[in-house]
mmCIF file of all heavy atoms, coordinates in Angstrom:
data_MODEL
# 
_entry.id   MODEL 
# 
loop_
_atom_site.group_PDB 
_atom_site.id 
_atom_site.type_symbol 
_atom_site.label_atom_id 
_atom_site.label_alt_id 
_atom_site.label_comp_id 
_atom_site.label_asym_id 
_atom_site.label_entity_id 
_atom_site.label_seq_id 
_atom_site.pdbx_PDB_ins_code 
_atom_site.Cartn_x 
_atom_site.Cartn_y 
_atom_site.Cartn_z 
_atom_site.occupancy 
_atom_site.B_iso_or_equiv 
_atom_site.pdbx_formal_charge 
_atom_site.auth_seq_id 
_atom_site.auth_comp_id 
_atom_site.auth_asym_id 
_atom_site.auth_atom_id 
_atom_site.pdbx_PDB_model_num 
ATOM 1   N N   . ALA A 1 1  ? 22.742 54.637 -37.674 1.00 0.00 ? 1  ALA A N   1 
ATOM 2   C CA  . ALA A 1 1  ? 22.262 53.484 -38.476 1.00 0.00 ? 1  ALA A CA  1 
ATOM 3   C C   . ALA A 1 1  ? 23.013 52.286 -38.170 1.00 0.00 ? 1  ALA A C   1 
ATOM 4   O O   . ALA A 1 1  ? 24.138 52.381 -37.670 1.00 0.00 ? 1  ALA A O   1 
ATOM 5   C CB  . ALA A 1 1  ? 22.377 53.825 -39.975 1.00 0.00 ? 1  ALA A CB  1 
ATOM 6   N N   . TRP A 1 2  ? 22.462 51.131 -38.324 1.00 0.00 ? 2  TRP A N   1 
ATOM 7   C CA  . TRP A 1 2  ? 23.179 49.847 -38.135 1.00 0.00 ? 2  TRP A CA  1 
ATOM 8   C C   . TRP A 1 2  ? 22.653 48.787 -39.045 1.00 0.00 ? 2  TRP A C   1 
ATOM 9   O O   . TRP A 1 2  ? 21.696 49.024 -39.669 1.00 0.00 ? 2  TRP A O   1 
ATOM 10  C CB  . TRP A 1 2  ? 23.066 49.387 -36.620 1.00 0.00 ? 2  TRP A CB  1 
ATOM 11  C CG  . TRP A 1 2  ? 21.676 49.115 -36.162 1.00 0.00 ? 2  TRP A CG  1 
ATOM 12  C CD1 . TRP A 1 2  ? 21.022 47.889 -36.205 1.00 0.00 ? 2  TRP A CD1 1 
ATOM 13  C CD2 . TRP A 1 2  ? 20.767 50.059 -35.589 1.00 0.00 ? 2  TRP A CD2 1 
ATOM 14  N NE1 . TRP A 1 2  ? 19.805 48.050 -35.691 1.00 0.00 ? 2  TRP A NE1 1 
ATOM 15  C CE2 . TRP A 1 2  ? 19.578 49.389 -35.335 1.00 0.00 ? 2  TRP A CE2 1 
ATOM 16  C CE3 . TRP A 1 2  ? 20.816 51.410 -35.341 1.00 0.00 ? 2  TRP A CE3 1 
ATOM 17  C CZ2 . TRP A 1 2  ? 18.491 49.920 -34.744 1.00 0.00 ? 2  TRP A CZ2 1 
ATOM 18  C CZ3 . TRP A 1 2  ? 19.738 51.986 -34.764 1.00 0.00 ? 2  TRP A CZ3 1 
ATOM 19  C CH2 . TRP A 1 2  ? 18.564 51.286 -34.491 1.00 0.00 ? 2  TRP A CH2 1 
ATOM 20  N N   . SER A 1 3  ? 23.417 47.724 -39.153 1.00 0.00 ? 3  SER A N   1 
ATOM 21  C CA  . SER A 1 3  ? 23.015 46.675 -40.045 1.00 0.00 ? 3  SER A CA  1 
ATOM 22  C C   . SER A 1 3  ? 22.487 45.499 -39.267 1.00 0.00 ? 3  SER A C   1 
ATOM 23  O O   . SER A 1 3  ? 22.938 45.221 -38.116 1.00 0.00 ? 3  SER A O   1 
ATOM 24  C CB  . SER A 1 3  ? 24.150 46.271 -41.007 1.00 0.00 ? 3  SER A CB  1 
ATOM 25  O OG  . SER A 1 3  ? 25.099 45.590 -40.196 1.00 0.00 ? 3  SER A OG  1 
ATOM 26  N N   . THR A 1 4  ? 21.659 44.770 -39.895 1.00 0.00 ? 4  THR A N   1 
ATOM 27  C CA  . THR A 1 4  ? 21.148 43.466 -39.280 1.00 0.00 ? 4  THR A CA  1 
ATOM 28  C C   . THR A 1 4  ? 21.050 42.465 -40.351 1.00 0.00 ? 4  THR A C   1 
ATOM 29  O O   . THR A 1 4  ? 21.030 42.756 -41.546 1.00 0.00 ? 4  THR A O   1 
ATOM 30  C CB  . THR A 1 4  ? 19.759 43.675 -38.631 1.00 0.00 ? 4  THR A CB  1 
ATOM 31  O OG1 . THR A 1 4  ? 18.840 44.026 -39.695 1.00 0.00 ? 4  THR A OG1 1 
ATOM 32  C CG2 . THR A 1 4  ? 19.794 44.665 -37.528 1.00 0.00 ? 4  THR A CG2 1 
ATOM 33  N N   . SER A 1 5  ? 21.074 41.211 -39.931 1.00 0.00 ? 5  SER A N   1 
ATOM 34  C CA  . SER A 1 5  ? 20.802 40.158 -40.883 1.00 0.00 ? 5  SER A CA  1 
ATOM 35  C C   . SER A 1 5  ? 19.617 39.407 -40.430 1.00 0.00 ? 5  SER A C   1 
ATOM 36  O O   . SER A 1 5  ? 19.399 39.002 -39.290 1.00 0.00 ? 5  SER A O   1 
ATOM 37  C CB  . SER A 1 5  ? 22.075 39.215 -40.913 1.00 0.00 ? 5  SER A CB  1 
ATOM 38  O OG  . SER A 1 5  ? 21.891 38.161 -41.767 1.00 0.00 ? 5  SER A OG  1 
ATOM 39  N N   . HIS A 1 6  ? 18.594 39.316 -41.289 1.00 0.00 ? 6  HIS A N   1 
ATOM 40  C CA  . HIS A 1 6  ? 17.291 38.778 -40.879 1.00 0.00 ? 6  HIS A CA  1 
ATOM 41  C C   . HIS A 1 6  ? 17.436 37.250 -40.665 1.00 0.00 ? 6  HIS A C   1 
ATOM 42  O O   . HIS A 1 6  ? 17.899 36.539 -41.457 1.00 0.00 ? 6  HIS A O   1 
ATOM 43  C CB  . HIS A 1 6  ? 16.286 38.970 -42.076 1.00 0.00 ? 6  HIS A CB  1 
ATOM 44  C CG  . HIS A 1 6  ? 14.903 38.746 -41.708 1.00 0.00 ? 6  HIS A CG  1 
ATOM 45  N ND1 . HIS A 1 6  ? 14.347 37.575 -41.440 1.00 0.00 ? 6  HIS A ND1 1 
ATOM 46  C CD2 . HIS A 1 6  ? 13.916 39.738 -41.424 1.00 0.00 ? 6  HIS A CD2 1 
ATOM 47  C CE1 . HIS A 1 6  ? 13.060 37.689 -41.112 1.00 0.00 ? 6  HIS A CE1 1 
ATOM 48  N NE2 . HIS A 1 6  ? 12.804 39.008 -41.122 1.00 0.00 ? 6  HIS A NE2 1 
ATOM 49  N N   . PRO A 1 7  ? 17.127 36.807 -39.457 1.00 0.00 ? 7  PRO A N   1 
ATOM 50  C CA  . PRO A 1 7  ? 17.422 35.406 -38.996 1.00 0.00 ? 7  PRO A CA  1 
ATOM 51  C C   . PRO A 1 7  ? 16.552 34.441 -39.747 1.00 0.00 ? 7  PRO A C   1 
ATOM 52  O O   . PRO A 1 7  ? 16.817 33.279 -39.740 1.00 0.00 ? 7  PRO A O   1 
ATOM 53  C CB  . PRO A 1 7  ? 17.071 35.440 -37.488 1.00 0.00 ? 7  PRO A CB  1 
ATOM 54  C CG  . PRO A 1 7  ? 16.164 36.521 -37.331 1.00 0.00 ? 7  PRO A CG  1 
ATOM 55  C CD  . PRO A 1 7  ? 16.514 37.640 -38.301 1.00 0.00 ? 7  PRO A CD  1 
ATOM 56  N N   . HIS A 1 8  ? 15.440 34.780 -40.350 1.00 0.00 ? 8  HIS A N   1 
ATOM 57  C CA  . HIS A 1 8  ? 14.584 33.867 -40.995 1.00 0.00 ? 8  HIS A CA  1 
ATOM 58  C C   . HIS A 1 8  ? 14.826 33.686 -42.484 1.00 0.00 ? 8  HIS A C   1 
ATOM 59  O O   . HIS A 1 8  ? 14.242 32.857 -43.112 1.00 0.00 ? 8  HIS A O   1 
ATOM 60  C CB  . HIS A 1 8  ? 13.106 34.311 -40.806 1.00 0.00 ? 8  HIS A CB  1 
ATOM 61  C CG  . HIS A 1 8  ? 12.682 34.497 -39.376 1.00 0.00 ? 8  HIS A CG  1 
ATOM 62  N ND1 . HIS A 1 8  ? 12.712 33.381 -38.505 1.00 0.00 ? 8  HIS A ND1 1 
ATOM 63  C CD2 . HIS A 1 8  ? 12.384 35.560 -38.670 1.00 0.00 ? 8  HIS A CD2 1 
ATOM 64  C CE1 . HIS A 1 8  ? 12.404 33.855 -37.266 1.00 0.00 ? 8  HIS A CE1 1 
ATOM 65  N NE2 . HIS A 1 8  ? 12.170 35.195 -37.361 1.00 0.00 ? 8  HIS A NE2 1 
ATOM 66  N N   . GLN A 1 9  ? 15.775 34.451 -43.035 1.00 0.00 ? 9  GLN A N   1 
ATOM 67  C CA  . GLN A 1 9  ? 16.121 34.296 -44.406 1.00 0.00 ? 9  GLN A CA  1 
ATOM 68  C C   . GLN A 1 9  ? 17.578 34.114 -44.582 1.00 0.00 ? 9  GLN A C   1 
ATOM 69  O O   . GLN A 1 9  ? 18.345 35.007 -44.863 1.00 0.00 ? 9  GLN A O   1 
ATOM 70  C CB  . GLN A 1 9  ? 15.700 35.539 -45.167 1.00 0.00 ? 9  GLN A CB  1 
ATOM 71  C CG  . GLN A 1 9  ? 14.213 35.762 -45.204 1.00 0.00 ? 9  GLN A CG  1 
ATOM 72  C CD  . GLN A 1 9  ? 13.752 37.007 -46.023 1.00 0.00 ? 9  GLN A CD  1 
ATOM 73  O OE1 . GLN A 1 9  ? 14.674 37.823 -46.311 1.00 0.00 ? 9  GLN A OE1 1 
ATOM 74  N NE2 . GLN A 1 9  ? 12.515 37.086 -46.329 1.00 0.00 ? 9  GLN A NE2 1 
ATOM 75  N N   . PRO A 1 10 ? 18.086 32.910 -44.300 1.00 0.00 ? 10 PRO A N   1 
ATOM 76  C CA  . PRO A 1 10 ? 19.555 32.709 -44.472 1.00 0.00 ? 10 PRO A CA  1 
ATOM 77  C C   . PRO A 1 10 ? 19.966 32.868 -45.913 1.00 0.00 ? 10 PRO A C   1 
ATOM 78  O O   . PRO A 1 10 ? 19.256 32.587 -46.793 1.00 0.00 ? 10 PRO A O   1 
ATOM 79  C CB  . PRO A 1 10 ? 19.753 31.194 -43.999 1.00 0.00 ? 10 PRO A CB  1 
ATOM 80  C CG  . PRO A 1 10 ? 18.350 30.578 -44.202 1.00 0.00 ? 10 PRO A CG  1 
ATOM 81  C CD  . PRO A 1 10 ? 17.393 31.668 -43.998 1.00 0.00 ? 10 PRO A CD  1 
ATOM 82  N N   . HIS A 1 11 ? 21.156 33.397 -46.037 1.00 0.00 ? 11 HIS A N   1 
ATOM 83  C CA  . HIS A 1 11 ? 21.639 33.592 -47.388 1.00 0.00 ? 11 HIS A CA  1 
ATOM 84  C C   . HIS A 1 11 ? 22.623 32.536 -47.733 1.00 0.00 ? 11 HIS A C   1 
ATOM 85  O O   . HIS A 1 11 ? 23.714 32.357 -46.952 1.00 0.00 ? 11 HIS A O   1 
ATOM 86  C CB  . HIS A 1 11 ? 22.374 35.002 -47.411 1.00 0.00 ? 11 HIS A CB  1 
ATOM 87  C CG  . HIS A 1 11 ? 21.445 36.054 -47.049 1.00 0.00 ? 11 HIS A CG  1 
ATOM 88  N ND1 . HIS A 1 11 ? 20.457 36.667 -47.869 1.00 0.00 ? 11 HIS A ND1 1 
ATOM 89  C CD2 . HIS A 1 11 ? 21.299 36.717 -45.792 1.00 0.00 ? 11 HIS A CD2 1 
ATOM 90  C CE1 . HIS A 1 11 ? 19.822 37.612 -47.275 1.00 0.00 ? 11 HIS A CE1 1 
ATOM 91  N NE2 . HIS A 1 11 ? 20.279 37.738 -45.989 1.00 0.00 ? 11 HIS A NE2 1 
ATOM 92  N N   . VAL A 1 12 ? 22.333 31.693 -48.696 1.00 0.00 ? 12 VAL A N   1 
ATOM 93  C CA  . VAL A 1 12 ? 23.119 30.548 -48.964 1.00 0.00 ? 12 VAL A CA  1 
ATOM 94  C C   . VAL A 1 12 ? 24.000 30.780 -50.197 1.00 0.00 ? 12 VAL A C   1 
ATOM 95  O O   . VAL A 1 12 ? 23.636 31.330 -51.185 1.00 0.00 ? 12 VAL A O   1 
ATOM 96  C CB  . VAL A 1 12 ? 22.271 29.288 -49.241 1.00 0.00 ? 12 VAL A CB  1 
ATOM 97  C CG1 . VAL A 1 12 ? 23.081 28.062 -49.548 1.00 0.00 ? 12 VAL A CG1 1 
ATOM 98  C CG2 . VAL A 1 12 ? 21.259 29.051 -47.997 1.00 0.00 ? 12 VAL A CG2 1 
ATOM 99  N N   . ALA A 1 13 ? 25.316 30.518 -50.008 1.00 0.00 ? 13 ALA A N   1 
ATOM 100 C CA  . ALA A 1 13 ? 26.256 30.607 -51.086 1.00 0.00 ? 13 ALA A CA  1 
ATOM 101 C C   . ALA A 1 13 ? 25.805 29.676 -52.227 1.00 0.00 ? 13 ALA A C   1 
ATOM 102 O O   . ALA A 1 13 ? 25.509 28.554 -52.013 1.00 0.00 ? 13 ALA A O   1 
ATOM 103 C CB  . ALA A 1 13 ? 27.681 30.252 -50.705 1.00 0.00 ? 13 ALA A CB  1 
ATOM 104 N N   . TRP A 1 14 ? 25.654 30.271 -53.460 1.00 0.00 ? 14 TRP A N   1 
ATOM 105 C CA  . TRP A 1 14 ? 25.178 29.515 -54.557 1.00 0.00 ? 14 TRP A CA  1 
ATOM 106 C C   . TRP A 1 14 ? 25.906 28.200 -54.831 1.00 0.00 ? 14 TRP A C   1 
ATOM 107 O O   . TRP A 1 14 ? 27.047 28.101 -54.851 1.00 0.00 ? 14 TRP A O   1 
ATOM 108 C CB  . TRP A 1 14 ? 25.337 30.339 -55.781 1.00 0.00 ? 14 TRP A CB  1 
ATOM 109 C CG  . TRP A 1 14 ? 24.572 29.802 -56.971 1.00 0.00 ? 14 TRP A CG  1 
ATOM 110 C CD1 . TRP A 1 14 ? 23.264 29.827 -57.310 1.00 0.00 ? 14 TRP A CD1 1 
ATOM 111 C CD2 . TRP A 1 14 ? 25.255 29.047 -58.090 1.00 0.00 ? 14 TRP A CD2 1 
ATOM 112 N NE1 . TRP A 1 14 ? 23.023 29.193 -58.445 1.00 0.00 ? 14 TRP A NE1 1 
ATOM 113 C CE2 . TRP A 1 14 ? 24.195 28.682 -58.985 1.00 0.00 ? 14 TRP A CE2 1 
ATOM 114 C CE3 . TRP A 1 14 ? 26.508 28.701 -58.398 1.00 0.00 ? 14 TRP A CE3 1 
ATOM 115 C CZ2 . TRP A 1 14 ? 24.431 27.942 -60.184 1.00 0.00 ? 14 TRP A CZ2 1 
ATOM 116 C CZ3 . TRP A 1 14 ? 26.693 27.953 -59.497 1.00 0.00 ? 14 TRP A CZ3 1 
ATOM 117 C CH2 . TRP A 1 14 ? 25.665 27.595 -60.397 1.00 0.00 ? 14 TRP A CH2 1 
ATOM 118 N N   . GLY A 1 15 ? 25.091 27.121 -54.934 1.00 0.00 ? 15 GLY A N   1 
ATOM 119 C CA  . GLY A 1 15 ? 25.668 25.793 -55.227 1.00 0.00 ? 15 GLY A CA  1 
ATOM 120 C C   . GLY A 1 15 ? 26.317 25.131 -53.985 1.00 0.00 ? 15 GLY A C   1 
ATOM 121 O O   . GLY A 1 15 ? 27.035 24.156 -54.210 1.00 0.00 ? 15 GLY A O   1 
ATOM 122 N N   . THR A 1 16 ? 26.113 25.662 -52.836 1.00 0.00 ? 16 THR A N   1 
ATOM 123 C CA  . THR A 1 16 ? 26.705 25.138 -51.633 1.00 0.00 ? 16 THR A CA  1 
ATOM 124 C C   . THR A 1 16 ? 25.661 24.981 -50.502 1.00 0.00 ? 16 THR A C   1 
ATOM 125 O O   . THR A 1 16 ? 24.560 25.408 -50.659 1.00 0.00 ? 16 THR A O   1 
ATOM 126 C CB  . THR A 1 16 ? 27.835 25.936 -51.056 1.00 0.00 ? 16 THR A CB  1 
ATOM 127 O OG1 . THR A 1 16 ? 27.377 27.158 -50.477 1.00 0.00 ? 16 THR A OG1 1 
ATOM 128 C CG2 . THR A 1 16 ? 28.868 26.314 -52.195 1.00 0.00 ? 16 THR A CG2 1 
ATOM 129 N N   . SER A 1 17 ? 26.085 24.479 -49.392 1.00 0.00 ? 17 SER A N   1 
ATOM 130 C CA  . SER A 1 17 ? 25.243 24.411 -48.155 1.00 0.00 ? 17 SER A CA  1 
ATOM 131 C C   . SER A 1 17 ? 25.783 25.378 -47.200 1.00 0.00 ? 17 SER A C   1 
ATOM 132 O O   . SER A 1 17 ? 25.497 25.219 -45.898 1.00 0.00 ? 17 SER A O   1 
ATOM 133 C CB  . SER A 1 17 ? 25.183 23.005 -47.654 1.00 0.00 ? 17 SER A CB  1 
ATOM 134 O OG  . SER A 1 17 ? 26.573 22.590 -47.383 1.00 0.00 ? 17 SER A OG  1 
ATOM 135 N N   . VAL A 1 18 ? 26.419 26.436 -47.581 1.00 0.00 ? 18 VAL A N   1 
ATOM 136 C CA  . VAL A 1 18 ? 27.037 27.447 -46.651 1.00 0.00 ? 18 VAL A CA  1 
ATOM 137 C C   . VAL A 1 18 ? 26.050 28.588 -46.501 1.00 0.00 ? 18 VAL A C   1 
ATOM 138 O O   . VAL A 1 18 ? 25.692 29.221 -47.492 1.00 0.00 ? 18 VAL A O   1 
ATOM 139 C CB  . VAL A 1 18 ? 28.328 27.936 -47.144 1.00 0.00 ? 18 VAL A CB  1 
ATOM 140 C CG1 . VAL A 1 18 ? 28.896 29.015 -46.210 1.00 0.00 ? 18 VAL A CG1 1 
ATOM 141 C CG2 . VAL A 1 18 ? 29.348 26.835 -47.258 1.00 0.00 ? 18 VAL A CG2 1 
ATOM 142 N N   . LYS A 1 19 ? 25.582 28.845 -45.255 1.00 0.00 ? 19 LYS A N   1 
ATOM 143 C CA  . LYS A 1 19 ? 24.792 30.013 -45.011 1.00 0.00 ? 19 LYS A CA  1 
ATOM 144 C C   . LYS A 1 19 ? 25.712 31.184 -44.537 1.00 0.00 ? 19 LYS A C   1 
ATOM 145 O O   . LYS A 1 19 ? 26.582 30.901 -43.756 1.00 0.00 ? 19 LYS A O   1 
ATOM 146 C CB  . LYS A 1 19 ? 23.759 29.701 -43.867 1.00 0.00 ? 19 LYS A CB  1 
ATOM 147 C CG  . LYS A 1 19 ? 22.735 28.646 -44.346 1.00 0.00 ? 19 LYS A CG  1 
ATOM 148 C CD  . LYS A 1 19 ? 21.753 28.330 -43.210 1.00 0.00 ? 19 LYS A CD  1 
ATOM 149 C CE  . LYS A 1 19 ? 20.703 27.329 -43.668 1.00 0.00 ? 19 LYS A CE  1 
ATOM 150 N NZ  . LYS A 1 19 ? 19.866 26.985 -42.528 1.00 0.00 ? 19 LYS A NZ  1 
ATOM 151 N N   . ILE A 1 20 ? 25.416 32.309 -45.058 1.00 0.00 ? 20 ILE A N   1 
ATOM 152 C CA  . ILE A 1 20 ? 26.278 33.514 -44.746 1.00 0.00 ? 20 ILE A CA  1 
ATOM 153 C C   . ILE A 1 20 ? 25.341 34.490 -43.948 1.00 0.00 ? 20 ILE A C   1 
ATOM 154 O O   . ILE A 1 20 ? 24.277 34.846 -44.314 1.00 0.00 ? 20 ILE A O   1 
ATOM 155 C CB  . ILE A 1 20 ? 26.740 34.195 -46.062 1.00 0.00 ? 20 ILE A CB  1 
ATOM 156 C CG1 . ILE A 1 20 ? 27.524 33.074 -46.881 1.00 0.00 ? 20 ILE A CG1 1 
ATOM 157 C CG2 . ILE A 1 20 ? 27.635 35.438 -45.728 1.00 0.00 ? 20 ILE A CG2 1 
ATOM 158 C CD1 . ILE A 1 20 ? 27.804 33.629 -48.300 1.00 0.00 ? 20 ILE A CD1 1 
ATOM 159 N N   . SER A 1 21 ? 26.036 34.954 -42.918 1.00 0.00 ? 21 SER A N   1 
ATOM 160 C CA  . SER A 1 21 ? 25.385 36.082 -42.055 1.00 0.00 ? 21 SER A CA  1 
ATOM 161 C C   . SER A 1 21 ? 26.382 37.103 -41.802 1.00 0.00 ? 21 SER A C   1 
ATOM 162 O O   . SER A 1 21 ? 27.609 36.932 -42.064 1.00 0.00 ? 21 SER A O   1 
ATOM 163 C CB  . SER A 1 21 ? 24.876 35.468 -40.788 1.00 0.00 ? 21 SER A CB  1 
ATOM 164 O OG  . SER A 1 21 ? 25.883 34.877 -40.043 1.00 0.00 ? 21 SER A OG  1 
ATOM 165 N N   . GLY A 1 22 ? 25.962 38.235 -41.367 1.00 0.00 ? 22 GLY A N   1 
ATOM 166 C CA  . GLY A 1 22 ? 26.895 39.282 -40.982 1.00 0.00 ? 22 GLY A CA  1 
ATOM 167 C C   . GLY A 1 22 ? 26.273 40.485 -40.305 1.00 0.00 ? 22 GLY A C   1 
ATOM 168 O O   . GLY A 1 22 ? 25.048 40.529 -40.178 1.00 0.00 ? 22 GLY A O   1 
ATOM 169 N N   . THR A 1 23 ? 27.083 41.229 -39.616 1.00 0.00 ? 23 THR A N   1 
ATOM 170 C CA  . THR A 1 23 ? 26.755 42.409 -38.952 1.00 0.00 ? 23 THR A CA  1 
ATOM 171 C C   . THR A 1 23 ? 27.846 43.430 -38.866 1.00 0.00 ? 23 THR A C   1 
ATOM 172 O O   . THR A 1 23 ? 28.995 43.017 -39.091 1.00 0.00 ? 23 THR A O   1 
ATOM 173 C CB  . THR A 1 23 ? 26.157 42.090 -37.583 1.00 0.00 ? 23 THR A CB  1 
ATOM 174 O OG1 . THR A 1 23 ? 25.521 43.223 -37.008 1.00 0.00 ? 23 THR A OG1 1 
ATOM 175 C CG2 . THR A 1 23 ? 27.232 41.518 -36.704 1.00 0.00 ? 23 THR A CG2 1 
ATOM 176 N N   . THR A 1 24 ? 27.548 44.631 -38.440 1.00 0.00 ? 24 THR A N   1 
ATOM 177 C CA  . THR A 1 24 ? 28.603 45.599 -38.131 1.00 0.00 ? 24 THR A CA  1 
ATOM 178 C C   . THR A 1 24 ? 28.555 45.817 -36.614 1.00 0.00 ? 24 THR A C   1 
ATOM 179 O O   . THR A 1 24 ? 27.494 45.645 -36.021 1.00 0.00 ? 24 THR A O   1 
ATOM 180 C CB  . THR A 1 24 ? 28.298 46.915 -38.845 1.00 0.00 ? 24 THR A CB  1 
ATOM 181 O OG1 . THR A 1 24 ? 27.104 47.459 -38.471 1.00 0.00 ? 24 THR A OG1 1 
ATOM 182 C CG2 . THR A 1 24 ? 28.415 46.796 -40.410 1.00 0.00 ? 24 THR A CG2 1 
ATOM 183 N N   . ARG A 1 25 ? 29.719 46.179 -36.092 1.00 0.00 ? 25 ARG A N   1 
ATOM 184 C CA  . ARG A 1 25 ? 29.773 46.399 -34.654 1.00 0.00 ? 25 ARG A CA  1 
ATOM 185 C C   . ARG A 1 25 ? 29.761 47.873 -34.261 1.00 0.00 ? 25 ARG A C   1 
ATOM 186 O O   . ARG A 1 25 ? 29.578 48.242 -33.186 1.00 0.00 ? 25 ARG A O   1 
ATOM 187 C CB  . ARG A 1 25 ? 30.958 45.737 -34.024 1.00 0.00 ? 25 ARG A CB  1 
ATOM 188 C CG  . ARG A 1 25 ? 30.892 44.237 -34.079 1.00 0.00 ? 25 ARG A CG  1 
ATOM 189 C CD  . ARG A 1 25 ? 31.973 43.527 -33.332 1.00 0.00 ? 25 ARG A CD  1 
ATOM 190 N NE  . ARG A 1 25 ? 33.242 44.337 -33.200 1.00 0.00 ? 25 ARG A NE  1 
ATOM 191 C CZ  . ARG A 1 25 ? 34.339 43.844 -32.701 1.00 0.00 ? 25 ARG A CZ  1 
ATOM 192 N NH1 . ARG A 1 25 ? 34.318 42.615 -32.320 1.00 0.00 ? 25 ARG A NH1 1 
ATOM 193 N NH2 . ARG A 1 25 ? 35.418 44.592 -32.639 1.00 0.00 ? 25 ARG A NH2 1 
# 
């Protein structure tokens, strides 16, 4: 199994303009 972050749905930190992404190696 592996993790992915969907590129079309950025996750924005609430109340900021910071987009958060992540993955496992």
